[in-house]
Amino acid sequence: MGKLENTPTKRAKNGAGRRVTLHEKIQTDLETRILSGQWHTGYRIPTEKELSEHYACSRITVSKVLMLLAQKGLIETRKRAGSFVRRPMAHSIILQILDPASVAEQMGQPYRYEFIDQVEREAGADDCAHLRTQQDDRDNVLAVRCRHHIGDRIYCYEERLINLDLLPEARSVDFEITPPGDWLIDHLPWRSGDVEIGSALVDETLSDRLALAPGAAVMNIERVIHANGAAVSYGMAWYAGDMTRLKAQYDTAPLTLAGSPAS
């Protein structure tokens, strides 16, 4: 099966030398493909028949593995379509709040992505500080700058650093078409990160990049993305303050007080 080539695996043990069961081995294999980004968000998982043939096991065993992966929120099954890698709920919420295209849709305005430039360079002191790496490493980084437009306004100006030692495939991505944030979310759907939200007043540099008058308010969001314990990307984005709203929704069960009729 071409899309599920064999990968080297170690004979895993648990506790006092217990060998893992076949379904545990398959589950670990599939989880590794998802968590590493090899199978990205929306990737169609091979069918039960294909998996059972690949692992030389029964479809019942494969079905059990897929059920466990679904329970963990790693995949979702669509009727008559198959199983697909699922985007984590937390990431979906973040996208709804921060994604310029989604904001434009909510505002009923057209969205446009503008690529500014990209440069590959040896990481300098500031790059290492942003990516939490040692200056002695001097990994190469890809620096991408872009803007997001809503209607006739610049909604967001973004600067992104990608650690090419950890994500060398970023070199082959056409960021003139694909926003770097979108690519990272789809390519590394399961990862951890740090997000810091702040505010600032526009200086001369930001005035030019956001087409705002000096002294105007902007919201800034700083994000570091981690994978396998290392920082793979750093991003800083500035949003026009008068266009930015953070909105969250929650739902709780109705509270019924003792002696009061339920509404």
Protein backbone atom coordinates (compact mmCIF):
# COMPACT_ATOMS: atom_id res chain seq x y z
CA MET A 1 0.00 0.00 0.00
CA GLY A 2 1.83 3.07 -1.28
CA LYS A 3 0.65 5.64 1.25
CA LEU A 4 1.34 3.41 4.25
CA GLU A 5 4.91 2.35 3.69
CA ASN A 6 6.65 0.39 6.39
CA THR A 7 8.53 2.40 8.97
CA PRO A 8 11.21 1.07 11.33
CA THR A 9 9.73 0.20 14.70
CA LYS A 10 11.30 -0.96 17.92
CA ARG A 11 9.99 -3.87 19.91
CA ALA A 12 8.21 -1.95 22.64
CA LYS A 13 7.89 -3.20 26.17
CA ASN A 14 5.66 -2.22 29.04
CA GLY A 15 6.21 -2.83 32.71
CA ALA A 16 8.24 -5.95 33.43
CA GLY A 17 9.13 -6.73 29.84
CA ARG A 18 5.54 -7.19 28.62
CA ARG A 19 5.29 -7.21 24.84
CA VAL A 20 2.73 -4.89 23.38
CA THR A 21 -0.30 -6.37 21.69
CA LEU A 22 -0.80 -6.07 17.95
CA HIS A 23 -3.54 -3.48 18.31
CA GLU A 24 -1.23 -1.40 20.58
CA LYS A 25 1.52 -1.56 17.97
CA ILE A 26 -0.85 -0.44 15.21
CA GLN A 27 -2.25 2.33 17.39
CA THR A 28 1.25 3.62 18.21
CA ASP A 29 2.20 3.53 14.53
CA LEU A 30 -0.86 5.48 13.41
CA GLU A 31 -0.56 7.98 16.27
CA THR A 32 3.07 8.63 15.32
CA ARG A 33 2.08 9.39 11.73
CA ILE A 34 -0.56 11.87 12.94
CA LEU A 35 1.41 13.55 15.72
CA SER A 36 4.52 13.95 13.56
CA GLY A 37 2.51 15.71 10.85
CA GLN A 38 3.16 12.97 8.28
CA TRP A 39 -0.63 12.61 8.16
CA HIS A 40 -1.86 16.20 8.26
CA THR A 41 -5.24 17.68 9.14
CA GLY A 42 -7.86 16.34 6.74
CA TYR A 43 -5.67 13.42 5.59
CA ARG A 44 -7.80 10.40 4.68
CA ILE A 45 -6.80 7.39 6.75
CA PRO A 46 -6.41 4.13 4.78
CA THR A 47 -9.51 1.94 4.91
CA GLU A 48 -9.98 -0.90 7.40
CA LYS A 49 -9.35 -3.36 4.57
CA GLU A 50 -6.11 -1.63 3.57
CA LEU A 51 -4.91 -1.43 7.16
CA SER A 52 -5.74 -5.05 7.91
CA GLU A 53 -3.83 -6.17 4.81
CA HIS A 54 -0.86 -3.96 5.65
CA TYR A 55 -0.59 -5.19 9.23
CA ALA A 56 -1.69 -8.76 8.42
CA CYS A 57 -4.44 -8.69 11.02
CA SER A 58 -8.22 -8.88 11.23
CA ARG A 59 -10.50 -5.97 10.45
CA ILE A 60 -11.85 -6.29 14.00
CA THR A 61 -8.38 -5.37 15.33
CA VAL A 62 -8.15 -2.38 12.97
CA SER A 63 -11.69 -1.28 13.87
CA LYS A 64 -10.73 -1.28 17.55
CA VAL A 65 -7.68 0.89 16.84
CA LEU A 66 -9.68 3.41 14.81
CA MET A 67 -12.31 3.58 17.53
CA LEU A 68 -9.63 4.36 20.14
CA LEU A 69 -8.10 7.05 17.91
CA ALA A 70 -11.53 8.62 17.46
CA GLN A 71 -12.11 8.57 21.22
CA LYS A 72 -8.81 10.41 21.70
CA GLY A 73 -9.93 13.04 19.19
CA LEU A 74 -7.19 12.28 16.67
CA ILE A 75 -9.48 11.20 13.83
CA GLU A 76 -13.09 11.54 12.81
CA THR A 77 -15.20 9.11 10.80
CA ARG A 78 -17.55 10.39 8.13
CA LYS A 79 -20.33 8.17 6.91
CA ARG A 80 -19.58 6.60 3.52
CA ALA A 81 -16.43 8.77 3.24
CA GLY A 82 -13.93 7.17 5.61
CA SER A 83 -11.77 8.33 8.52
CA PHE A 84 -9.79 11.57 8.49
CA VAL A 85 -7.20 13.28 10.70
CA ARG A 86 -9.07 15.74 12.85
CA ARG A 87 -8.03 19.28 13.72
CA PRO A 88 -7.88 19.69 17.51
CA MET A 89 -10.83 21.58 18.98
CA ALA A 90 -8.58 24.12 20.69
CA HIS A 91 -6.94 24.96 17.37
CA SER A 92 -10.34 25.40 15.73
CA ILE A 93 -11.34 27.88 18.42
CA ILE A 94 -8.09 29.82 17.95
CA LEU A 95 -8.65 29.88 14.19
CA GLN A 96 -12.17 31.24 14.61
CA ILE A 97 -10.83 34.10 16.74
CA LEU A 98 -7.67 34.97 14.83
CA ASP A 99 -8.09 33.78 11.25
CA PRO A 100 -8.38 36.89 9.01
CA ALA A 101 -10.38 35.02 6.35
CA SER A 102 -12.94 33.93 8.96
CA VAL A 103 -13.12 37.48 10.35
CA ALA A 104 -13.70 38.85 6.85
CA GLU A 105 -16.50 36.35 6.29
CA GLN A 106 -18.16 37.36 9.56
CA MET A 107 -17.90 41.02 8.54
CA GLY A 108 -19.29 40.32 5.09
CA GLN A 109 -16.15 41.77 3.49
CA PRO A 110 -13.74 40.34 0.89
CA TYR A 111 -10.44 38.91 2.17
CA ARG A 112 -7.08 39.18 0.42
CA TYR A 113 -3.70 37.70 1.39
CA GLU A 114 -0.61 39.73 0.46
CA PHE A 115 2.85 38.15 0.42
CA ILE A 116 5.61 40.70 1.07
CA ASP A 117 8.88 38.76 1.07
CA GLN A 118 10.81 35.82 2.49
CA VAL A 119 14.48 35.38 3.33
CA GLU A 120 16.46 32.30 4.32
CA ARG A 121 19.31 33.14 6.66
CA GLU A 122 21.49 31.82 9.45
CA ALA A 123 19.73 32.48 12.74
CA GLY A 124 20.94 35.64 14.44
CA ALA A 125 20.78 36.48 18.13
CA ASP A 126 17.21 37.79 17.91
CA ASP A 127 16.08 34.75 15.92
CA CYS A 128 17.57 32.39 18.52
CA ALA A 129 15.88 34.32 21.31
CA HIS A 130 12.51 34.13 19.57
CA LEU A 131 12.86 30.40 18.85
CA ARG A 132 14.35 29.63 22.29
CA THR A 133 17.43 28.05 20.70
CA GLN A 134 21.12 28.33 21.54
CA GLN A 135 23.18 30.74 19.45
CA ASP A 136 25.82 28.04 19.11
CA ASP A 137 23.33 26.00 17.04
CA ARG A 138 23.00 28.69 14.37
CA ASP A 139 20.23 26.83 12.56
CA ASN A 140 18.97 28.35 9.33
CA VAL A 141 15.61 30.07 9.53
CA LEU A 142 13.07 31.18 6.96
CA ALA A 143 11.68 34.64 7.65
CA VAL A 144 8.35 35.39 5.96
CA ARG A 145 6.46 38.70 5.99
CA CYS A 146 2.87 39.10 4.84
CA ARG A 147 -0.31 41.11 5.29
CA HIS A 148 -3.99 40.25 5.44
CA HIS A 149 -6.57 42.63 3.97
CA ILE A 150 -10.26 42.88 4.80
CA GLY A 151 -12.20 45.05 2.40
CA ASP A 152 -10.05 48.08 1.57
CA ARG A 153 -8.17 47.97 4.91
CA ILE A 154 -5.03 46.21 6.10
CA TYR A 155 -6.31 44.07 8.95
CA CYS A 156 -3.08 42.36 10.00
CA TYR A 157 0.66 42.55 9.37
CA GLU A 158 2.57 39.35 10.20
CA GLU A 159 6.20 38.32 10.60
CA ARG A 160 6.96 34.60 10.81
CA LEU A 161 10.16 32.66 11.58
CA ILE A 162 10.41 28.95 10.72
CA ASN A 163 13.25 26.78 12.01
CA LEU A 164 14.47 25.04 8.86
CA ASP A 165 16.52 22.54 10.81
CA LEU A 166 13.25 21.16 12.20
CA LEU A 167 10.96 21.95 9.25
CA PRO A 168 13.14 21.77 6.10
CA GLU A 169 10.02 21.10 3.99
CA ALA A 170 9.08 24.78 4.45
CA ARG A 171 11.61 25.56 1.71
CA SER A 172 9.33 23.98 -0.88
CA VAL A 173 6.16 25.82 0.19
CA ASP A 174 4.91 28.65 -2.02
CA PHE A 175 4.21 31.28 0.62
CA GLU A 176 3.30 33.74 -2.11
CA ILE A 177 0.03 31.79 -2.24
CA THR A 178 -0.20 30.04 1.14
CA PRO A 179 -0.16 32.07 4.37
CA PRO A 180 2.56 30.67 6.67
CA GLY A 181 0.16 30.36 9.62
CA ASP A 182 -2.28 28.29 7.59
CA TRP A 183 0.48 25.97 6.39
CA LEU A 184 1.83 25.42 9.91
CA ILE A 185 -1.61 24.60 11.30
CA ASP A 186 -2.30 22.08 8.54
CA HIS A 187 1.20 20.62 8.53
CA LEU A 188 1.60 20.39 12.31
CA PRO A 189 -1.96 19.97 13.56
CA TRP A 190 -0.98 18.39 16.88
CA ARG A 191 1.54 20.49 18.75
CA SER A 192 1.88 22.78 21.74
CA GLY A 193 2.57 26.48 21.82
CA ASP A 194 2.69 29.74 23.72
CA VAL A 195 0.44 32.68 22.89
CA GLU A 196 0.79 36.17 24.34
CA ILE A 197 -1.71 38.91 23.52
CA GLY A 198 -0.87 42.56 24.06
CA SER A 199 -1.52 46.04 22.73
CA ALA A 200 0.59 48.92 21.48
CA LEU A 201 0.49 52.28 19.76
CA VAL A 202 1.53 52.53 16.13
CA ASP A 203 5.06 53.85 15.56
CA GLU A 204 6.46 55.03 12.23
CA THR A 205 7.37 51.50 11.10
CA LEU A 206 3.95 50.01 11.90
CA SER A 207 2.27 53.08 10.46
CA ASP A 208 3.69 52.21 7.07
CA ARG A 209 3.04 48.46 7.35
CA LEU A 210 -0.56 48.79 8.56
CA ALA A 211 -1.42 52.07 6.80
CA LEU A 212 -2.48 53.55 10.13
CA ALA A 213 -1.77 56.96 11.61
CA PRO A 214 1.01 57.09 14.24
CA GLY A 215 -0.47 56.71 17.69
CA ALA A 216 -3.35 54.47 16.58
CA ALA A 217 -4.03 51.41 18.75
CA VAL A 218 -3.09 47.93 17.59
CA MET A 219 -3.42 44.49 19.16
CA ASN A 220 -0.37 42.25 18.89
CA ILE A 221 -0.23 38.48 19.20
CA GLU A 222 3.04 36.65 19.74
CA ARG A 223 3.06 32.90 19.10
CA VAL A 224 5.69 30.19 19.52
CA ILE A 225 4.88 26.73 18.16
CA HIS A 226 6.53 23.66 19.69
CA ALA A 227 6.81 20.15 18.29
CA ASN A 228 8.66 17.28 19.94
CA GLY A 229 9.89 19.63 22.66
CA ALA A 230 11.49 22.19 20.31
CA ALA A 231 10.37 25.54 18.94
CA VAL A 232 9.69 25.17 15.23
CA SER A 233 8.15 28.56 14.56
CA TYR A 234 7.83 32.07 15.98
CA GLY A 235 5.22 34.54 14.83
CA MET A 236 4.36 38.15 15.63
CA ALA A 237 1.24 39.74 14.21
CA TRP A 238 -0.21 43.22 14.60
CA TYR A 239 -3.95 43.81 14.13
CA ALA A 240 -5.68 47.13 13.48
CA GLY A 241 -7.25 47.93 16.84
CA ASP A 242 -10.49 49.40 15.51
CA MET A 243 -11.15 46.24 13.47
CA THR A 244 -10.25 43.66 16.10
CA ARG A 245 -12.69 41.93 18.44
CA LEU A 246 -12.03 38.81 20.49
CA LYS A 247 -15.20 36.83 20.98
CA ALA A 248 -15.81 33.54 22.76
CA GLN A 249 -18.99 31.54 23.31
CA TYR A 250 -19.83 29.09 26.05
CA ASP A 251 -22.86 27.14 27.09
CA THR A 252 -23.75 25.86 30.53
CA ALA A 253 -26.63 23.82 31.87
CA PRO A 254 -29.45 25.94 33.35
CA LEU A 255 -29.19 26.46 37.11
CA THR A 256 -32.27 25.39 39.05
CA LEU A 257 -32.47 26.62 42.64
CA ALA A 258 -34.05 24.45 45.32
CA GLY A 259 -37.76 25.16 45.58
CA SER A 260 -37.82 27.09 42.29
CA PRO A 261 -39.61 25.81 39.18
CA ALA A 262 -37.35 24.85 36.29
CA SER A 263 -37.60 27.25 33.38
